[in-house]
């Protein structure tokens, strides 16, 4: 197995999981768990999800080297966000900048950050500037629907999840341990 410093020397890219299909956050958390398993320190900051015990929040608590902050409010953000939603997203971005720059984290997952841009809670310019300010070894993963051309251009990897079929179409609701 490679030594931890050798692993860290190969980090520093920006990845985005986007699209209308299921699995964006799941893929990001899978990457985070893989990184933690290799001894890397992982920060997860959820922009739109409150700390209510989603499965990924529970799972992160089982790893010593994963730190999770859920910065979402207790309601769904609509297409016409309230000022409190904008303030919460800006606070989440500020917190992510502060923590990314501590030097403590190797991998940073900004869950739903792309949605925060799509919902006009942040601009893509603000998000990109935050990413540019991070230490060069910090790998960042962004998730969310509605990637902008500027984010696509800035990222090193973009994966689009395409919806083909979903159980919701049959009336099957979200299931504990699978969707949340």
Protein backbone atom coordinates (compact mmCIF):
# COMPACT_ATOMS: atom_id res chain seq x y z
CA UNK A 1 0.00 0.00 0.00
CA UNK A 2 1.18 3.51 -0.80
CA UNK A 3 2.24 5.67 2.09
CA UNK A 4 -0.14 8.46 3.13
CA UNK A 5 2.13 11.27 1.93
CA UNK A 6 2.44 9.64 -1.48
CA UNK A 7 -1.36 9.38 -1.66
CA UNK A 8 -1.75 13.05 -0.65
CA UNK A 9 0.76 14.13 -3.31
CA UNK A 10 -1.64 12.93 -6.02
CA UNK A 11 -4.70 14.83 -4.78
CA UNK A 12 -5.99 18.27 -5.66
CA UNK A 13 -8.60 17.87 -8.39
CA UNK A 14 -12.19 19.12 -8.49
CA UNK A 15 -14.90 16.57 -9.25
CA UNK A 16 -18.58 17.25 -9.86
CA UNK A 17 -21.45 14.75 -9.78
CA UNK A 18 -24.49 16.32 -11.43
CA UNK A 19 -27.60 15.47 -13.44
CA UNK A 20 -31.21 14.49 -12.81
CA UNK A 21 -30.45 10.88 -11.92
CA UNK A 22 -30.14 9.35 -8.46
CA UNK A 23 -26.71 8.76 -6.97
CA UNK A 24 -24.82 12.04 -6.88
CA UNK A 25 -24.45 12.25 -3.12
CA UNK A 26 -24.14 8.48 -2.89
CA UNK A 27 -21.16 8.55 -5.26
CA UNK A 28 -19.55 11.41 -3.36
CA UNK A 29 -19.97 9.66 -0.01
CA UNK A 30 -18.62 6.45 -1.49
CA UNK A 31 -15.51 8.34 -2.54
CA UNK A 32 -15.28 9.87 0.94
CA UNK A 33 -15.53 6.47 2.62
CA UNK A 34 -12.87 5.08 0.27
CA UNK A 35 -10.57 8.01 1.08
CA UNK A 36 -11.15 7.62 4.82
CA UNK A 37 -10.40 3.93 4.53
CA UNK A 38 -6.99 4.84 3.08
CA UNK A 39 -6.24 7.12 6.01
CA UNK A 40 -7.13 10.45 4.41
CA UNK A 41 -9.00 13.09 6.40
CA UNK A 42 -12.39 13.89 4.90
CA UNK A 43 -14.64 16.91 5.40
CA UNK A 44 -18.27 16.72 4.31
CA UNK A 45 -20.29 19.90 4.30
CA UNK A 46 -23.95 19.57 3.33
CA UNK A 47 -25.34 22.82 1.95
CA UNK A 48 -29.07 22.06 1.91
CA UNK A 49 -29.56 19.10 4.24
CA UNK A 50 -30.27 19.56 7.95
CA UNK A 51 -28.77 17.24 10.58
CA UNK A 52 -31.75 14.93 10.95
CA UNK A 53 -30.10 11.52 10.83
CA UNK A 54 -29.89 10.73 7.11
CA UNK A 55 -28.05 7.46 6.52
CA UNK A 56 -24.93 9.19 5.23
CA UNK A 57 -24.81 11.37 8.35
CA UNK A 58 -25.01 8.29 10.56
CA UNK A 59 -22.33 6.51 8.49
CA UNK A 60 -19.91 9.44 8.68
CA UNK A 61 -20.10 9.28 12.47
CA UNK A 62 -18.58 5.80 12.32
CA UNK A 63 -15.29 7.11 10.88
CA UNK A 64 -12.76 8.92 13.06
CA UNK A 65 -11.33 10.72 10.05
CA UNK A 66 -14.58 12.05 8.56
CA UNK A 67 -16.00 15.33 9.81
CA UNK A 68 -19.53 16.25 8.74
CA UNK A 69 -21.41 19.54 9.00
CA UNK A 70 -25.04 19.69 7.87
CA UNK A 71 -25.78 23.36 7.28
CA UNK A 72 -29.25 23.14 5.72
CA UNK A 73 -32.33 24.53 7.39
CA UNK A 74 -35.36 22.50 8.40
CA UNK A 75 -37.29 23.05 5.17
CA UNK A 76 -37.01 22.39 1.46
CA UNK A 77 -35.59 25.34 -0.50
CA UNK A 78 -37.96 26.32 -3.28
CA UNK A 79 -37.23 28.10 -6.54
CA UNK A 80 -37.91 31.37 -4.69
CA UNK A 81 -35.53 31.09 -1.74
CA UNK A 82 -36.00 33.07 1.42
CA UNK A 83 -33.29 35.34 2.74
CA UNK A 84 -32.62 32.82 5.51
CA UNK A 85 -31.84 30.21 2.83
CA UNK A 86 -29.37 32.55 1.14
CA UNK A 87 -27.78 33.36 4.51
CA UNK A 88 -27.47 29.66 5.38
CA UNK A 89 -25.78 28.88 2.04
CA UNK A 90 -23.35 31.77 2.47
CA UNK A 91 -22.58 30.54 5.98
CA UNK A 92 -21.97 27.05 4.58
CA UNK A 93 -19.60 28.43 1.94
CA UNK A 94 -17.72 30.49 4.54
CA UNK A 95 -17.45 27.43 6.82
CA UNK A 96 -16.19 25.27 3.97
CA UNK A 97 -13.55 27.89 3.06
CA UNK A 98 -12.43 28.16 6.66
CA UNK A 99 -12.13 24.40 7.12
CA UNK A 100 -10.60 23.66 3.69
CA UNK A 101 -7.80 26.05 4.51
CA UNK A 102 -6.90 24.56 7.90
CA UNK A 103 -4.66 21.99 6.25
CA UNK A 104 -6.43 19.25 8.21
CA UNK A 105 -8.49 17.82 5.34
CA UNK A 106 -7.38 15.94 2.23
CA UNK A 107 -10.80 15.41 0.64
CA UNK A 108 -13.69 17.86 0.89
CA UNK A 109 -17.21 16.98 -0.22
CA UNK A 110 -19.53 19.96 -0.73
CA UNK A 111 -22.82 18.11 -0.95
CA UNK A 112 -25.58 20.03 -2.76
CA UNK A 113 -23.26 22.99 -3.47
CA UNK A 114 -24.22 22.89 -7.17
CA UNK A 115 -27.89 23.05 -6.13
CA UNK A 116 -27.09 26.10 -3.98
CA UNK A 117 -25.83 27.79 -7.16
CA UNK A 118 -28.83 26.61 -9.22
CA UNK A 119 -31.21 28.01 -6.60
CA UNK A 120 -29.37 31.38 -6.61
CA UNK A 121 -28.23 31.02 -3.02
CA UNK A 122 -24.63 31.47 -4.22
CA UNK A 123 -23.04 32.33 -7.54
CA UNK A 124 -20.79 29.99 -9.44
CA UNK A 125 -18.12 32.71 -9.26
CA UNK A 126 -18.23 32.69 -5.44
CA UNK A 127 -17.96 28.92 -5.37
CA UNK A 128 -15.08 28.82 -7.85
CA UNK A 129 -13.19 31.54 -5.95
CA UNK A 130 -13.55 29.47 -2.76
CA UNK A 131 -12.15 26.44 -4.59
CA UNK A 132 -9.24 28.44 -6.00
CA UNK A 133 -8.30 29.57 -2.48
CA UNK A 134 -7.90 26.03 -1.10
CA UNK A 135 -4.51 24.39 -0.55
CA UNK A 136 -3.32 22.62 -3.72
CA UNK A 137 -3.48 19.09 -2.23
CA UNK A 138 -7.18 19.27 -1.29
CA UNK A 139 -9.41 17.15 -3.52
CA UNK A 140 -12.95 18.57 -3.75
CA UNK A 141 -16.17 16.86 -4.77
CA UNK A 142 -19.29 18.92 -5.51
CA UNK A 143 -22.76 17.47 -5.96
CA UNK A 144 -26.05 18.79 -7.24
CA UNK A 145 -28.25 19.32 -10.25
CA UNK A 146 -27.88 22.17 -12.68
CA UNK A 147 -24.15 22.57 -13.24
CA UNK A 148 -23.27 25.91 -14.83
CA UNK A 149 -20.88 26.25 -17.78
CA UNK A 150 -18.35 28.00 -15.51
CA UNK A 151 -18.37 25.14 -12.99
CA UNK A 152 -18.09 22.57 -15.78
CA UNK A 153 -15.11 24.45 -17.23
CA UNK A 154 -13.39 24.74 -13.84
CA UNK A 155 -13.83 21.09 -12.79
CA UNK A 156 -11.35 18.36 -13.64
CA UNK A 157 -14.01 15.63 -13.72
CA UNK A 158 -17.74 15.94 -14.34
CA UNK A 159 -20.05 12.95 -14.15
CA UNK A 160 -23.68 13.35 -15.14
CA UNK A 161 -26.18 10.98 -13.56
CA UNK A 162 -28.98 10.38 -16.05
CA UNK A 163 -32.44 9.39 -14.90
CA UNK A 164 -33.79 6.49 -16.93
CA UNK A 165 -36.35 5.02 -14.53
CA UNK A 166 -37.16 5.63 -10.87
CA UNK A 167 -39.31 3.80 -8.27
CA UNK A 168 -41.00 7.14 -7.41
CA UNK A 169 -42.75 6.81 -10.78
CA UNK A 170 -44.53 3.73 -9.34
CA UNK A 171 -45.41 5.57 -6.14
CA UNK A 172 -42.61 3.96 -4.10
CA UNK A 173 -41.48 6.49 -1.49
CA UNK A 174 -37.91 7.06 -0.25
CA UNK A 175 -36.69 4.12 1.85
CA UNK A 176 -34.50 4.24 4.97
CA UNK A 177 -31.02 2.97 4.19
CA UNK A 178 -31.48 3.27 0.44
CA UNK A 179 -32.54 6.84 -0.41
CA UNK A 180 -31.83 8.41 2.96
